[in-house]
Structure formats: C-alpha cells, structure tokens
C-alpha cells in the first residue's frame, strides 16, 4: 500500500491542508491520482481539510446564508412552530441548549434548522419504520427559505458524489465503488446560528462542544466569523478559520469505521468570541440507511484486522442521535406508541 500503508500517521498539525478538487471535474487521470494521494495524507494525518474549486455556485451559498439570517431573526414563538419534536425524523428547528454534543458539557449555545433528503410519508422505507427517512418540515409562508435550502441541499449532493469518488481513489478502490451505497443517502443539511459569548467562558457551555461527527464526512460553509477549532494529537486546539472560496471538509465516524481508523474522525468544537452573530452551514453525508458499514477491503490485511463489527448506517446514526438530542428518543417512543395503537 502507498502513503504509509494501513498504519496511519497522526500529526500534531498546526494548520489545515487545502485540497484542490478541480481534477474530479476535469477527468484527467494523472491529476486525479495526485489529488487522491494528497487527500489520503490529509485524511490519515489530520482528518480535516479545506476544498477549493468545488463548483458550488457562490450565489447558492449566499442565498442560504441570507435565508438563515432571516429565519433566525424571527421571535421564538414563530420558530417553535416547526420544532424538531414535531418531526419523527429530526427535521426542523432546535433552540439554544437543546443539543449537547459533548456529554460532559451543559448544552450547546446555538440554534439550528435541519432538513434532509425529502422522502414522502408513503415511501416504503418510511412505512417500514426507517425513521431517518421522511418529509421535511417547512415554515409556513417562507417560500424563499425553503427554496434556498433545497437548492443548497441539491448542490451538496452533487459535491458529495465528487468527494466520494475522490475518497474511493484515495483508498485504492474503483472510483465508483461507493455509488450503489448512496442512492438514497442519509444527507442532512443544517443551518446554524451562534450568538456571541462575552467575558469568561465556561468550556462546558460553548457554541458547540467538543465532538466528532457521525456520518461519512461533513461539508461546512462558514461566514466570515472565526469560531471552529480542531484538536491535534498534542492536545492543542487549531483554528480552522474561514477561507474565501473554500469549504471545510472533515471525516466522520462512519468513514473512520469504513477505513478501519486509517482516516481520522477528528474532534472539533466552535466558540464564538467575536462579539457578533455567527452563522454556518454544515452538510452531513452518509450512505443509505441499510448500507452496512464495515472495514473496506483495502483497509484490512493479516496485520490489520477489522476493529469494528459491521453495522447498518441507519442504526448507527439512530444511536448517536438518541445520545445527543434530548427530543429525539422521545419522538421515537411517541411514534412507536402510535404505531402500536
């Protein structure tokens, strides 16, 4: 195996690498191979990277940030009309402190609105109880908000396909290796609003507590306000400040499991000390609900047996959501009781 084989080298990095994605759009095989080697190194050593030349129109990004500003400026009563507790599948609004990504902390200082793949209520997977599939909640009378988020979600699906092809090459697999596993992905778009924190800050209550992401990877758009920090192997928090024209991409826990920990799902957090409101747009991409996540053939050998038992992607995410979102387990219990009645 190239690039250090299956023994990953974790570094006490002091900056986040930048990867140019243009080869995944140009089709040049030699340029793709060079990109794949750089991507493998970034994912094995850091687990975070910036991507440029991603081909997502800036107008789509700007519209979604504008929609987030307008939405979160509403009063609490208006936002609570689409609270996530009204959704069986974790879609809608969540208020300050309702999420707790770090179980040792006291809640995250952000509010959010989540959508995912739009799946009709009468879809066979929804009727079969695969609760991460289903329809989105949408605020009444806010067509511009819905249009902006749906356009952004569609662009993220396209970009995720290109990224998956790059990951496959980086893992010495056929470029289309993952395609059949993401025909109906668990792909969540979230818009986030972080109020500023002033004075002495309790590290148990920050914008978002220290955590790793659950899915295969996350694509993050940031506004101009710095807040994101990434933990290196020396225990230092490294800034992942916004770079114009770039998304931040980080490896999630499912990809770490898929790669038998060759790729790092790196702990990160956000603290908004800017004195201004901060907005960000993460997109969490994972495979189909029933896709079994188990060590990839290129990530195991006699000296590197599989570390994790196989698990369906949906079952894995369900378990993580239940541990993170106070409303999620209650919504599932309520739905189950209704189904049994």
Foldseek 3Di string as FASTA:
>chain_A
DPDVAQPFAADQDQAAAEAELVCLVVVDPVVLLVSLSVVLNRQRHAQKHKYFPLPDDPVLVVLQVVLLVVVVVDDPVQQCVFDLLVALQRFGKDAFFQWAQDPVFRGAQKIKGKDWPADDCPDPCNVVPLRNYHHHDDRPPCVSNVVSVVSVNVSVVVSVLSVQLSNCSSLVHHSCVCVVFAPPWSKMKMKMKGAADDDDDDQRYFNYHKHFAAAQKKWKDWDQFWWKWWAGPVRDTHTPGDDPRIIMMGGGPLNCQQLLNSGDRTIMGTHGNPNHMIMMMMMGIHTDQQDWRHHDPSRDDPVRDRPDDIDGSSVRVLVSCVVTGVSNVVSNVVVVVVVVD
